[in-house]
Amino acid sequence: MITISPEPDIAADERELVARATGGDVDAFYALIDRHDRGLRGLAYRLLGDPDAMDDALQESYLKAFRALPRFSGDSAFRSWLYRIVYNTCLDELRRRRKVGVVPLEAAFNHPDGRRDPGEVATDKLDLAAAVAALSPDTRAAVLLVYVDGIDYHSATEVLGVSRGTLASRLHRGRAQLRRALDGTEGEGR
């Protein structure tokens, strides 16, 4: 007889870690960060386009999160709250720079279609990366959160601090701009 143990309640486990971290348990805070670090790194890198800027933004974000942890109300998921802090920190950095560079998306394409010519796949990736980099930071963040990181609409609205309608509008606009850029009709039908 095979016994299947139930999946652990991740939310309950995370609530326990949040409670311990709020009480000053640094190891619990590290465990929370470790759970979400990969996705947060992806978001920060794709928004900032520079590994050093990404590291700086994450370090600043994690410090902000640790200091703000006693004020975390639990009204949203911890993950959404943490993404929001990283997103805001990255936007602050972009405002300081007053420029948006080309942001590579190589990490988003870990499974290229093996049946295609590798040169075509590489060209497609570069075209997509350039098209995504050309989106405004707000639209780019919406597209990356929902389509690359797989975050649901509710969580994405919490991260971005916008309504569901605004998120849907940014996603629609982002898809249209990406479609035009990739179809070679970029200057048409704006």
N, C-alpha and C. Protein backbone atom coordinates (compact mmCIF):
# COMPACT_ATOMS: atom_id res chain seq x y z
N MET A 1 0.84 -1.18 0.00
CA MET A 1 0.00 0.00 0.00
C MET A 1 0.88 1.24 0.00
N ILE A 2 0.56 2.16 -0.89
CA ILE A 2 1.32 3.41 -1.00
C ILE A 2 0.58 4.48 -0.21
N THR A 3 1.31 5.14 0.65
CA THR A 3 0.72 6.22 1.43
C THR A 3 1.19 7.54 0.84
N ILE A 4 0.24 8.36 0.51
CA ILE A 4 0.57 9.69 -0.02
C ILE A 4 0.36 10.70 1.09
N SER A 5 1.45 11.36 1.44
CA SER A 5 1.31 12.37 2.49
C SER A 5 0.79 13.65 1.87
N PRO A 6 -0.07 14.35 2.58
CA PRO A 6 -0.62 15.59 2.03
C PRO A 6 0.47 16.63 1.84
N GLU A 7 0.27 17.49 0.84
CA GLU A 7 1.23 18.57 0.60
C GLU A 7 1.20 19.52 1.78
N PRO A 8 2.35 20.03 2.18
CA PRO A 8 2.36 20.97 3.29
C PRO A 8 1.63 22.25 2.91
N ASP A 9 1.03 22.88 3.89
CA ASP A 9 0.33 24.14 3.67
C ASP A 9 1.37 25.24 3.59
N ILE A 10 1.72 25.60 2.36
CA ILE A 10 2.78 26.59 2.15
C ILE A 10 2.41 27.92 2.81
N ALA A 11 1.17 28.31 2.68
CA ALA A 11 0.75 29.59 3.26
C ALA A 11 0.91 29.57 4.77
N ALA A 12 0.53 28.45 5.40
CA ALA A 12 0.67 28.35 6.86
C ALA A 12 2.14 28.38 7.24
N ASP A 13 2.97 27.66 6.48
CA ASP A 13 4.40 27.63 6.74
C ASP A 13 4.98 29.04 6.57
N GLU A 14 4.52 29.75 5.54
CA GLU A 14 5.02 31.10 5.31
C GLU A 14 4.55 32.04 6.41
N ARG A 15 3.31 31.88 6.86
CA ARG A 15 2.83 32.71 7.97
C ARG A 15 3.69 32.51 9.21
N GLU A 16 4.07 31.27 9.45
CA GLU A 16 4.93 30.99 10.61
C GLU A 16 6.28 31.66 10.45
N LEU A 17 6.85 31.58 9.24
CA LEU A 17 8.14 32.24 9.00
C LEU A 17 8.03 33.75 9.14
N VAL A 18 6.93 34.32 8.65
CA VAL A 18 6.72 35.78 8.77
C VAL A 18 6.63 36.16 10.25
N ALA A 19 5.89 35.38 11.03
CA ALA A 19 5.76 35.67 12.47
C ALA A 19 7.12 35.59 13.16
N ARG A 20 7.90 34.57 12.82
CA ARG A 20 9.23 34.44 13.44
C ARG A 20 10.15 35.58 13.00
N ALA A 21 10.10 35.93 11.70
CA ALA A 21 10.95 37.02 11.20
C ALA A 21 10.56 38.35 11.83
N THR A 22 9.26 38.57 11.99
CA THR A 22 8.78 39.79 12.62
C THR A 22 9.30 39.89 14.04
N GLY A 23 9.45 38.75 14.68
CA GLY A 23 10.00 38.71 16.04
C GLY A 23 11.51 38.84 16.10
N GLY A 24 12.14 39.03 14.94
CA GLY A 24 13.58 39.25 14.92
C GLY A 24 14.40 38.05 14.50
N ASP A 25 13.77 36.96 14.11
CA ASP A 25 14.48 35.76 13.69
C ASP A 25 15.03 35.97 12.27
N VAL A 26 16.31 36.27 12.18
CA VAL A 26 16.95 36.57 10.90
C VAL A 26 16.94 35.33 10.00
N ASP A 27 17.12 34.14 10.58
CA ASP A 27 17.10 32.92 9.77
C ASP A 27 15.73 32.72 9.10
N ALA A 28 14.68 33.05 9.80
CA ALA A 28 13.34 32.95 9.22
C ALA A 28 13.19 33.93 8.06
N PHE A 29 13.74 35.13 8.24
CA PHE A 29 13.67 36.12 7.15
C PHE A 29 14.46 35.62 5.94
N TYR A 30 15.64 35.06 6.17
CA TYR A 30 16.43 34.50 5.06
C TYR A 30 15.67 33.38 4.36
N ALA A 31 14.96 32.57 5.11
CA ALA A 31 14.18 31.48 4.52
C ALA A 31 13.06 32.05 3.64
N LEU A 32 12.43 33.13 4.08
CA LEU A 32 11.39 33.78 3.28
C LEU A 32 11.97 34.34 1.98
N ILE A 33 13.09 35.01 2.10
CA ILE A 33 13.74 35.60 0.93
C ILE A 33 14.16 34.50 -0.04
N ASP A 34 14.70 33.43 0.50
CA ASP A 34 15.18 32.33 -0.33
C ASP A 34 14.06 31.74 -1.18
N ARG A 35 12.85 31.69 -0.66
CA ARG A 35 11.70 31.15 -1.39
C ARG A 35 11.37 31.96 -2.63
N HIS A 36 11.61 33.25 -2.58
CA HIS A 36 11.16 34.14 -3.64
C HIS A 36 12.30 34.80 -4.41
N ASP A 37 13.52 34.55 -4.02
CA ASP A 37 14.67 35.26 -4.58
C ASP A 37 14.79 35.10 -6.09
N ARG A 38 14.61 33.91 -6.61
CA ARG A 38 14.80 33.68 -8.05
C ARG A 38 13.84 34.55 -8.87
N GLY A 39 12.58 34.55 -8.53
CA GLY A 39 11.61 35.36 -9.26
C GLY A 39 11.88 36.84 -9.12
N LEU A 40 12.27 37.25 -7.92
CA LEU A 40 12.58 38.66 -7.67
C LEU A 40 13.81 39.10 -8.45
N ARG A 41 14.79 38.22 -8.54
CA ARG A 41 15.99 38.51 -9.33
C ARG A 41 15.62 38.69 -10.80
N GLY A 42 14.76 37.81 -11.28
CA GLY A 42 14.32 37.91 -12.67
C GLY A 42 13.62 39.23 -12.95
N LEU A 43 12.72 39.61 -12.07
CA LEU A 43 12.00 40.87 -12.25
C LEU A 43 12.98 42.05 -12.22
N ALA A 44 13.84 42.10 -11.22
CA ALA A 44 14.77 43.22 -11.08
C ALA A 44 15.73 43.29 -12.27
N TYR A 45 16.21 42.14 -12.71
CA TYR A 45 17.15 42.14 -13.83
C TYR A 45 16.47 42.61 -15.11
N ARG A 46 15.27 42.12 -15.35
CA ARG A 46 14.58 42.49 -16.58
C ARG A 46 14.15 43.95 -16.58
N LEU A 47 13.89 44.51 -15.41
CA LEU A 47 13.53 45.93 -15.35
C LEU A 47 14.77 46.81 -15.47
N LEU A 48 15.87 46.40 -14.84
CA LEU A 48 17.06 47.26 -14.79
C LEU A 48 18.09 46.95 -15.87
N GLY A 49 18.14 45.69 -16.33
CA GLY A 49 19.04 45.32 -17.40
C GLY A 49 20.51 45.29 -17.05
N ASP A 50 20.82 45.22 -15.78
CA ASP A 50 22.21 45.26 -15.35
C ASP A 50 22.34 44.40 -14.08
N PRO A 51 23.22 43.39 -14.10
CA PRO A 51 23.34 42.53 -12.93
C PRO A 51 23.78 43.27 -11.66
N ASP A 52 24.64 44.27 -11.81
CA ASP A 52 25.07 45.02 -10.63
C ASP A 52 23.93 45.86 -10.07
N ALA A 53 23.17 46.50 -10.96
CA ALA A 53 22.01 47.28 -10.52
C ALA A 53 20.97 46.36 -9.89
N MET A 54 20.81 45.16 -10.45
CA MET A 54 19.88 44.18 -9.89
C MET A 54 20.29 43.83 -8.45
N ASP A 55 21.56 43.52 -8.27
CA ASP A 55 22.03 43.16 -6.93
C ASP A 55 21.82 44.31 -5.94
N ASP A 56 22.14 45.52 -6.38
CA ASP A 56 21.95 46.68 -5.50
C ASP A 56 20.47 46.87 -5.15
N ALA A 57 19.60 46.75 -6.16
CA ALA A 57 18.16 46.93 -5.92
C ALA A 57 17.63 45.85 -4.99
N LEU A 58 18.08 44.62 -5.17
CA LEU A 58 17.61 43.54 -4.30
C LEU A 58 18.11 43.73 -2.87
N GLN A 59 19.37 44.12 -2.73
CA GLN A 59 19.90 44.36 -1.39
C GLN A 59 19.09 45.46 -0.69
N GLU A 60 18.84 46.54 -1.42
CA GLU A 60 18.04 47.64 -0.86
C GLU A 60 16.62 47.17 -0.54
N SER A 61 16.04 46.40 -1.44
CA SER A 61 14.67 45.90 -1.24
C SER A 61 14.57 44.98 -0.03
N TYR A 62 15.53 44.08 0.10
CA TYR A 62 15.48 43.14 1.22
C TYR A 62 15.67 43.86 2.55
N LEU A 63 16.50 44.89 2.56
CA LEU A 63 16.66 45.69 3.76
C LEU A 63 15.36 46.43 4.08
N LYS A 64 14.73 47.01 3.05
CA LYS A 64 13.44 47.68 3.26
C LYS A 64 12.40 46.70 3.79
N ALA A 65 12.37 45.51 3.21
CA ALA A 65 11.40 44.51 3.64
C ALA A 65 11.63 44.10 5.09
N PHE A 66 12.88 43.90 5.46
CA PHE A 66 13.17 43.50 6.84
C PHE A 66 12.74 44.59 7.81
N ARG A 67 13.02 45.84 7.46
CA ARG A 67 12.63 46.95 8.34
C ARG A 67 11.12 47.14 8.40
N ALA A 68 10.44 46.86 7.28
CA ALA A 68 8.99 47.06 7.21
C ALA A 68 8.20 45.84 7.68
N LEU A 69 8.87 44.74 7.92
CA LEU A 69 8.18 43.50 8.28
C LEU A 69 7.22 43.65 9.45
N PRO A 70 7.55 44.40 10.49
CA PRO A 70 6.57 44.56 11.58
C PRO A 70 5.27 45.23 11.14
N ARG A 71 5.30 45.95 10.03
CA ARG A 71 4.10 46.61 9.52
C ARG A 71 3.37 45.77 8.48
N PHE A 72 3.91 44.58 8.14
CA PHE A 72 3.24 43.70 7.17
C PHE A 72 1.96 43.20 7.81
N SER A 73 0.83 43.58 7.20
CA SER A 73 -0.47 43.28 7.80
C SER A 73 -1.01 41.91 7.42
N GLY A 74 -0.50 41.33 6.35
CA GLY A 74 -1.01 40.05 5.91
C GLY A 74 -2.26 40.17 5.05
N ASP A 75 -2.63 41.41 4.67
CA ASP A 75 -3.79 41.61 3.80
C ASP A 75 -3.55 41.03 2.41
N SER A 76 -2.29 40.98 2.01
CA SER A 76 -1.93 40.37 0.74
C SER A 76 -0.94 39.24 1.04
N ALA A 77 -0.65 38.46 0.03
CA ALA A 77 0.33 37.39 0.20
C ALA A 77 1.70 38.02 0.43
N PHE A 78 2.52 37.36 1.22
CA PHE A 78 3.87 37.86 1.48
C PHE A 78 4.62 38.04 0.16
N ARG A 79 4.44 37.08 -0.75
CA ARG A 79 5.10 37.14 -2.05
C ARG A 79 4.74 38.43 -2.78
N SER A 80 3.46 38.79 -2.81
CA SER A 80 3.03 40.02 -3.49
C SER A 80 3.63 41.24 -2.82
N TRP A 81 3.64 41.24 -1.50
CA TRP A 81 4.19 42.36 -0.74
C TRP A 81 5.67 42.53 -1.07
N LEU A 82 6.40 41.44 -1.13
CA LEU A 82 7.83 41.49 -1.41
C LEU A 82 8.09 41.91 -2.86
N TYR A 83 7.31 41.38 -3.80
CA TYR A 83 7.43 41.80 -5.20
C TYR A 83 7.18 43.29 -5.33
N ARG A 84 6.20 43.79 -4.60
CA ARG A 84 5.87 45.22 -4.66
C ARG A 84 7.07 46.07 -4.21
N ILE A 85 7.73 45.65 -3.16
CA ILE A 85 8.90 46.39 -2.67
C ILE A 85 10.00 46.39 -3.73
N VAL A 86 10.28 45.23 -4.32
CA VAL A 86 11.31 45.14 -5.36
C VAL A 86 10.92 45.98 -6.58
N TYR A 87 9.68 45.87 -7.00
CA TYR A 87 9.19 46.64 -8.15
C TYR A 87 9.38 48.14 -7.90
N ASN A 88 8.96 48.63 -6.74
CA ASN A 88 9.09 50.06 -6.44
C ASN A 88 10.55 50.49 -6.37
N THR A 89 11.40 49.65 -5.80
CA THR A 89 12.82 49.97 -5.72
C THR A 89 13.43 50.07 -7.12
N CYS A 90 13.04 49.17 -8.01
CA CYS A 90 13.54 49.21 -9.39
C CYS A 90 13.04 50.45 -10.12
N LEU A 91 11.77 50.78 -9.93
CA LEU A 91 11.25 52.00 -10.57
C LEU A 91 11.99 53.23 -10.06
N ASP A 92 12.28 53.26 -8.77
CA ASP A 92 13.05 54.39 -8.22
C ASP A 92 14.42 54.48 -8.89
N GLU A 93 15.05 53.33 -9.10
CA GLU A 93 16.36 53.31 -9.76
C GLU A 93 16.25 53.78 -11.20
N LEU A 94 15.21 53.35 -11.90
CA LEU A 94 15.01 53.80 -13.28
C LEU A 94 14.77 55.30 -13.34
N ARG A 95 14.03 55.83 -12.38
CA ARG A 95 13.81 57.29 -12.34
C ARG A 95 15.12 58.02 -12.09
N ARG A 96 15.95 57.44 -11.22
CA ARG A 96 17.25 58.08 -10.95
C ARG A 96 18.10 58.08 -12.21
N ARG A 97 18.07 57.04 -12.96
CA ARG A 97 18.87 56.94 -14.18
C ARG A 97 18.31 57.79 -15.32
N ARG A 98 16.99 57.96 -15.33
CA ARG A 98 16.30 58.70 -16.40
C ARG A 98 16.54 58.10 -17.77
N LYS A 99 16.79 56.80 -17.80
CA LYS A 99 16.93 56.12 -19.09
C LYS A 99 16.51 54.67 -18.91
N VAL A 100 16.18 54.06 -20.01
CA VAL A 100 15.84 52.65 -20.02
C VAL A 100 16.72 51.99 -21.05
N GLY A 101 17.55 51.05 -20.63
CA GLY A 101 18.45 50.36 -21.54
C GLY A 101 17.80 49.12 -22.11
N VAL A 102 18.51 48.46 -22.98
CA VAL A 102 18.04 47.19 -23.53
C VAL A 102 18.13 46.15 -22.43
N VAL A 103 17.05 45.44 -22.24
CA VAL A 103 16.96 44.46 -21.17
C VAL A 103 16.89 43.07 -21.76
N PRO A 104 17.96 42.26 -21.63
CA PRO A 104 17.92 40.91 -22.18
C PRO A 104 16.95 40.02 -21.41
N LEU A 105 16.36 39.10 -22.14
CA LEU A 105 15.40 38.18 -21.53
C LEU A 105 15.85 36.73 -21.67
N GLU A 106 17.14 36.49 -21.78
CA GLU A 106 17.61 35.13 -22.00
C GLU A 106 17.08 34.15 -20.96
N ALA A 107 16.98 34.59 -19.72
CA ALA A 107 16.54 33.68 -18.66
C ALA A 107 15.10 33.23 -18.83
N ALA A 108 14.31 33.99 -19.58
CA ALA A 108 12.90 33.62 -19.77
C ALA A 108 12.73 32.53 -20.81
N PHE A 109 13.79 32.18 -21.51
CA PHE A 109 13.69 31.23 -22.60
C PHE A 109 14.64 30.06 -22.38
N ASN A 110 14.42 29.31 -21.33
CA ASN A 110 15.30 28.21 -20.99
C ASN A 110 15.04 26.96 -21.82
N HIS A 111 13.94 26.94 -22.59
CA HIS A 111 13.58 25.73 -23.34
C HIS A 111 13.34 26.05 -24.81
N PRO A 112 14.40 26.37 -25.56
CA PRO A 112 14.17 26.66 -26.98
C PRO A 112 13.71 25.41 -27.72
N ASP A 113 12.97 25.62 -28.78
CA ASP A 113 12.45 24.54 -29.60
C ASP A 113 13.62 23.87 -30.32
N GLY A 114 13.93 22.65 -29.95
CA GLY A 114 15.07 21.93 -30.50
C GLY A 114 14.94 21.62 -31.98
N ARG A 115 13.74 21.72 -32.56
CA ARG A 115 13.54 21.40 -33.98
C ARG A 115 13.89 22.56 -34.89
N ARG A 116 14.09 23.72 -34.33
CA ARG A 116 14.41 24.89 -35.15
C ARG A 116 15.91 25.11 -35.20
N ASP A 117 16.32 25.84 -36.22
CA ASP A 117 17.72 26.21 -36.35
C ASP A 117 18.12 27.09 -35.18
N PRO A 118 19.21 26.77 -34.49
CA PRO A 118 19.63 27.59 -33.34
C PRO A 118 19.85 29.06 -33.67
N GLY A 119 20.27 29.36 -34.88
CA GLY A 119 20.45 30.76 -35.28
C GLY A 119 19.12 31.50 -35.31
N GLU A 120 18.07 30.83 -35.79
CA GLU A 120 16.74 31.44 -35.81
C GLU A 120 16.22 31.67 -34.39
N VAL A 121 16.45 30.69 -33.54
CA VAL A 121 16.00 30.81 -32.15
C VAL A 121 16.70 31.99 -31.49
N ALA A 122 18.01 32.11 -31.70
CA ALA A 122 18.76 33.22 -31.10
C ALA A 122 18.27 34.56 -31.62
N THR A 123 18.00 34.64 -32.92
CA THR A 123 17.50 35.89 -33.50
C THR A 123 16.13 36.24 -32.92
N ASP A 124 15.26 35.23 -32.80
CA ASP A 124 13.94 35.47 -32.21
C ASP A 124 14.06 35.99 -30.79
N LYS A 125 14.98 35.42 -30.02
CA LYS A 125 15.17 35.87 -28.64
C LYS A 125 15.65 37.31 -28.59
N LEU A 126 16.58 37.64 -29.46
CA LEU A 126 17.09 39.02 -29.48
C LEU A 126 15.99 39.99 -29.89
N ASP A 127 15.18 39.60 -30.89
CA ASP A 127 14.08 40.45 -31.32
C ASP A 127 13.08 40.66 -30.18
N LEU A 128 12.73 39.58 -29.49
CA LEU A 128 11.78 39.68 -28.38
C LEU A 128 12.37 40.50 -27.24
N ALA A 129 13.63 40.27 -26.92
CA ALA A 129 14.27 41.03 -25.84
C ALA A 129 14.26 42.53 -26.16
N ALA A 130 14.57 42.88 -27.40
CA ALA A 130 14.57 44.29 -27.79
C ALA A 130 13.15 44.86 -27.75
N ALA A 131 12.17 44.06 -28.18
CA ALA A 131 10.78 44.52 -28.16
C ALA A 131 10.29 44.74 -26.74
N VAL A 132 10.64 43.84 -25.84
CA VAL A 132 10.22 43.99 -24.44
C VAL A 132 10.93 45.18 -23.82
N ALA A 133 12.21 45.35 -24.15
CA ALA A 133 12.97 46.48 -23.59
C ALA A 133 12.40 47.81 -24.05
N ALA A 134 11.75 47.83 -25.20
CA ALA A 134 11.19 49.07 -25.72
C ALA A 134 9.88 49.46 -25.04
N LEU A 135 9.28 48.55 -24.30
CA LEU A 135 8.04 48.86 -23.58
C LEU A 135 8.34 49.83 -22.44
N SER A 136 7.36 50.61 -22.05
CA SER A 136 7.55 51.49 -20.89
C SER A 136 7.78 50.61 -19.66
N PRO A 137 8.45 51.13 -18.63
CA PRO A 137 8.69 50.30 -17.44
C PRO A 137 7.41 49.73 -16.83
N ASP A 138 6.34 50.51 -16.80
CA ASP A 138 5.08 50.02 -16.22
C ASP A 138 4.49 48.88 -17.04
N THR A 139 4.49 49.04 -18.36
CA THR A 139 3.95 48.00 -19.24
C THR A 139 4.86 46.78 -19.20
N ARG A 140 6.17 47.00 -19.24
CA ARG A 140 7.14 45.90 -19.20
C ARG A 140 6.97 45.10 -17.92
N ALA A 141 6.82 45.77 -16.79
CA ALA A 141 6.65 45.05 -15.52
C ALA A 141 5.39 44.20 -15.54
N ALA A 142 4.30 44.73 -16.07
CA ALA A 142 3.05 43.96 -16.14
C ALA A 142 3.24 42.72 -17.00
N VAL A 143 3.84 42.90 -18.17
CA VAL A 143 4.07 41.78 -19.09
C VAL A 143 4.97 40.73 -18.44
N LEU A 144 6.04 41.17 -17.82
CA LEU A 144 6.98 40.22 -17.20
C LEU A 144 6.34 39.47 -16.04
N LEU A 145 5.62 40.18 -15.18
CA LEU A 145 5.01 39.53 -14.02
C LEU A 145 4.00 38.46 -14.45
N VAL A 146 3.13 38.81 -15.39
CA VAL A 146 2.05 37.90 -15.76
C VAL A 146 2.51 36.82 -16.74
N TYR A 147 3.22 37.21 -17.81
CA TYR A 147 3.54 36.26 -18.86
C TYR A 147 4.85 35.51 -18.67
N VAL A 148 5.80 36.10 -17.97
CA VAL A 148 7.08 35.41 -17.75
C VAL A 148 7.11 34.74 -16.39
N ASP A 149 6.75 35.48 -15.34
CA ASP A 149 6.81 34.91 -13.99
C ASP A 149 5.56 34.12 -13.64
N GLY A 150 4.49 34.25 -14.42
CA GLY A 150 3.28 33.46 -14.18
C GLY A 150 2.49 33.90 -12.97
N ILE A 151 2.61 35.15 -12.58
CA ILE A 151 1.88 35.66 -11.43
C ILE A 151 0.44 35.94 -11.85
N ASP A 152 -0.51 35.54 -11.02
CA ASP A 152 -1.92 35.75 -11.34
C ASP A 152 -2.27 37.24 -11.32
N TYR A 153 -3.41 37.58 -11.94
CA TYR A 153 -3.81 38.98 -12.06
C TYR A 153 -3.95 39.65 -10.69
N HIS A 154 -4.57 38.97 -9.75
CA HIS A 154 -4.78 39.57 -8.43
C HIS A 154 -3.44 39.94 -7.79
N SER A 155 -2.50 39.02 -7.80
CA SER A 155 -1.19 39.30 -7.20
C SER A 155 -0.45 40.38 -7.98
N ALA A 156 -0.57 40.35 -9.30
CA ALA A 156 0.11 41.37 -10.12
C ALA A 156 -0.44 42.77 -9.82
N THR A 157 -1.77 42.87 -9.60
CA THR A 157 -2.33 44.19 -9.27
C THR A 157 -1.80 44.67 -7.93
N GLU A 158 -1.60 43.74 -6.99
CA GLU A 158 -1.03 44.12 -5.69
C GLU A 158 0.42 44.57 -5.84
N VAL A 159 1.19 43.85 -6.64
CA VAL A 159 2.59 44.20 -6.84
C VAL A 159 2.72 45.57 -7.50
N LEU A 160 1.92 45.79 -8.53
CA LEU A 160 2.03 47.03 -9.30
C LEU A 160 1.26 48.19 -8.69
N GLY A 161 0.35 47.90 -7.76
CA GLY A 161 -0.44 48.94 -7.12
C GLY A 161 -1.44 49.59 -8.07
N VAL A 162 -2.02 48.77 -8.95
CA VAL A 162 -2.98 49.26 -9.93
C VAL A 162 -4.25 48.42 -9.87
N SER A 163 -5.30 48.92 -10.50
CA SER A 163 -6.55 48.17 -10.56
C SER A 163 -6.42 47.05 -11.59
N ARG A 164 -7.36 46.13 -11.54
CA ARG A 164 -7.38 45.02 -12.50
C ARG A 164 -7.54 45.56 -13.93
N GLY A 165 -8.35 46.59 -14.09
CA GLY A 165 -8.54 47.19 -15.40
C GLY A 165 -7.27 47.82 -15.95
N THR A 166 -6.51 48.49 -15.08
CA THR A 166 -5.25 49.09 -15.50
C THR A 166 -4.26 48.00 -15.89
N LEU A 167 -4.22 46.92 -15.10
CA LEU A 167 -3.34 45.80 -15.45
C LEU A 167 -3.73 45.23 -16.80
N ALA A 168 -5.01 45.00 -17.01
CA ALA A 168 -5.47 44.44 -18.28
C ALA A 168 -5.11 45.38 -19.43
N SER A 169 -5.25 46.67 -19.22
CA SER A 169 -4.91 47.66 -20.25
C SER A 169 -3.42 47.60 -20.57
N ARG A 170 -2.58 47.53 -19.54
CA ARG A 170 -1.13 47.46 -19.77
C ARG A 170 -0.77 46.17 -20.51
N LEU A 171 -1.41 45.07 -20.15
CA LEU A 171 -1.12 43.80 -20.83
C LEU A 171 -1.57 43.86 -22.29
N HIS A 172 -2.74 44.42 -22.52
CA HIS A 172 -3.23 44.55 -23.89
C HIS A 172 -2.30 45.42 -24.72
N ARG A 173 -1.93 46.57 -24.16
CA ARG A 173 -1.02 47.49 -24.85
C ARG A 173 0.33 46.81 -25.08
N GLY A 174 0.83 46.11 -24.09
CA GLY A 174 2.12 45.42 -24.22
C GLY A 174 2.09 44.35 -25.30
N ARG A 175 1.02 43.53 -25.32
CA ARG A 175 0.90 42.50 -26.36
C ARG A 175 0.83 43.13 -27.74
N ALA A 176 0.07 44.21 -27.88
CA ALA A 176 -0.06 44.88 -29.18
C ALA A 176 1.29 45.44 -29.62
N GLN A 177 2.01 46.08 -28.72
CA GLN A 177 3.32 46.64 -29.08
C GLN A 177 4.30 45.54 -29.43
N LEU A 178 4.27 44.44 -28.68
CA LEU A 178 5.17 43.32 -28.98
C LEU A 178 4.81 42.70 -30.32
N ARG A 179 3.53 42.53 -30.58
CA ARG A 179 3.09 41.95 -31.85
C ARG A 179 3.56 42.82 -33.02
N ARG A 180 3.37 44.14 -32.91
CA ARG A 180 3.80 45.04 -33.98
C ARG A 180 5.31 44.98 -34.17
N ALA A 181 6.05 44.98 -33.07
CA ALA A 181 7.51 44.96 -33.16
C ALA A 181 8.00 43.66 -33.79
N LEU A 182 7.39 42.55 -33.42
CA LEU A 182 7.84 41.25 -33.92
C LEU A 182 7.34 40.96 -35.33
N ASP A 183 6.22 41.57 -35.72
CA ASP A 183 5.69 41.38 -37.07
C ASP A 183 6.33 42.36 -38.05
N GLY A 184 7.08 43.31 -37.56
CA GLY A 184 7.72 44.30 -38.42
C GLY A 184 6.77 45.42 -38.80
N THR A 185 5.68 45.58 -38.04
CA THR A 185 4.71 46.64 -38.32
C THR A 185 4.73 47.67 -37.21
N GLU A 186 5.89 47.87 -36.62
CA GLU A 186 6.02 48.70 -35.42
C GLU A 186 5.45 50.11 -35.57
N GLY A 187 5.62 50.74 -36.69
CA GLY A 187 5.14 52.11 -36.85
C GLY A 187 3.69 52.20 -37.23
N GLU A 188 3.01 51.07 -37.44
CA GLU A 188 1.63 51.07 -37.93
C GLU A 188 0.63 50.95 -36.79
N GLY A 189 -0.51 51.54 -36.93
CA GLY A 189 -1.66 51.33 -36.05
C GLY A 189 -1.46 51.58 -34.60
N ARG A 190 -0.78 52.60 -34.25
CA ARG A 190 -0.54 52.89 -32.83
C ARG A 190 -1.74 53.43 -32.17
